[in-house]
Amino acid sequence: MTTQTRAKRDALAELLERRKKLDQRITEIERRKNGEARKNDTRVKVLLGAATINDVEVHPETRAGEIAKLHRAITKERDIQFLKDMGWW
């Protein structure tokens, strides 16, 4: 094997190793970004739910409208049963 061939092989190996490390960094950054998005989505849902519950408690006349929203939005039987058990259906 010539020196030039060996140098090309070594350069390729080095580039492949760098690509591997970059791919790992990209994966980690994407994982963190996705985790942050899920966390923010959950926080929005909790805050909207808390605001809705508070509004119904302060203004009982809004309860029927909120329950109508639930009837339109909730389709899973286990969720419907849970809301019935909690007095929200």
Protein backbone atom coordinates (compact mmCIF):
# COMPACT_ATOMS: atom_id res chain seq x y z
CA MET A 1 0.00 0.00 0.00
CA THR A 2 1.41 3.36 -0.94
CA THR A 3 1.73 6.27 1.44
CA GLN A 4 -0.84 8.22 -0.58
CA THR A 5 -3.38 5.36 -0.40
CA ARG A 6 -2.80 4.99 3.33
CA ALA A 7 -3.29 8.76 3.82
CA LYS A 8 -6.57 8.67 1.90
CA ARG A 9 -7.76 5.70 3.95
CA ASP A 10 -6.83 7.46 7.19
CA ALA A 11 -8.53 10.69 6.06
CA LEU A 12 -11.68 8.75 5.20
CA ALA A 13 -11.66 6.99 8.57
CA GLU A 14 -11.25 10.33 10.33
CA LEU A 15 -14.13 11.88 8.36
CA LEU A 16 -16.36 8.90 9.10
CA GLU A 17 -15.58 9.19 12.81
CA ARG A 18 -16.35 12.93 12.74
CA ARG A 19 -19.65 12.21 10.96
CA LYS A 20 -20.52 9.62 13.58
CA LYS A 21 -19.88 12.13 16.39
CA LEU A 22 -21.88 14.84 14.59
CA ASP A 23 -24.78 12.44 14.05
CA GLN A 24 -24.75 11.64 17.77
CA ARG A 25 -24.77 15.35 18.66
CA ILE A 26 -27.63 16.01 16.22
CA THR A 27 -29.64 13.13 17.70
CA GLU A 28 -29.10 14.42 21.23
CA ILE A 29 -30.09 17.99 20.33
CA GLU A 30 -33.22 16.76 18.51
CA ARG A 31 -34.12 14.58 21.50
CA ARG A 32 -33.84 17.55 23.86
CA LYS A 33 -35.81 19.78 21.50
CA ASN A 34 -38.60 17.22 21.20
CA GLY A 35 -38.67 16.76 24.97
CA GLU A 36 -38.95 20.50 25.46
CA ALA A 37 -41.82 20.70 22.94
CA ARG A 38 -43.70 17.89 24.73
CA LYS A 39 -43.13 19.57 28.07
CA ASN A 40 -44.45 22.89 26.75
CA ASP A 41 -47.47 21.19 25.17
CA THR A 42 -48.30 19.53 28.48
CA ARG A 43 -47.92 22.83 30.34
CA VAL A 44 -50.34 24.57 27.94
CA LYS A 45 -52.90 21.80 28.43
CA VAL A 46 -52.61 21.96 32.21
CA LEU A 47 -52.96 25.74 32.26
CA LEU A 48 -55.95 25.73 29.89
CA GLY A 49 -57.59 23.01 31.93
CA ALA A 50 -57.00 24.86 35.18
CA ALA A 51 -58.40 28.06 33.69
CA THR A 52 -61.47 26.22 32.40
CA ILE A 53 -62.15 24.53 35.74
CA ASN A 54 -61.68 27.81 37.57
CA ASP A 55 -64.03 29.60 35.17
CA VAL A 56 -66.74 26.98 35.70
CA GLU A 57 -66.36 27.28 39.47
CA VAL A 58 -66.55 31.08 39.38
CA HIS A 59 -69.21 31.27 36.64
CA PRO A 60 -71.40 28.15 36.91
CA GLU A 61 -73.44 29.28 33.89
CA THR A 62 -70.45 28.40 31.67
CA ARG A 63 -70.47 24.72 32.75
CA ALA A 64 -72.95 23.59 30.06
CA GLY A 65 -70.78 25.09 27.33
CA GLU A 66 -67.65 23.43 28.67
CA ILE A 67 -69.40 20.06 28.91
CA ALA A 68 -70.60 20.48 25.31
CA LYS A 69 -66.94 21.00 24.29
CA LEU A 70 -66.01 17.80 26.09
CA HIS A 71 -68.74 15.88 24.26
CA ARG A 72 -67.35 17.11 20.93
CA ALA A 73 -63.70 16.52 21.74
CA ILE A 74 -63.50 13.38 23.90
CA THR A 75 -64.03 10.11 22.05
CA LYS A 76 -62.18 7.39 23.96
CA GLU A 77 -64.53 5.35 26.10
CA ARG A 78 -62.12 5.19 29.03
CA ASP A 79 -61.81 9.01 29.00
CA ILE A 80 -65.59 9.41 28.82
CA GLN A 81 -66.02 7.04 31.75
CA PHE A 82 -63.38 8.91 33.74
CA LEU A 83 -65.12 12.23 33.12
CA LYS A 84 -68.45 10.68 34.13
CA ASP A 85 -66.88 9.41 37.34
CA MET A 86 -65.52 12.90 37.99
CA GLY A 87 -68.87 14.57 37.30
CA TRP A 88 -67.83 16.25 34.07
CA TRP A 89 -69.95 14.36 31.54
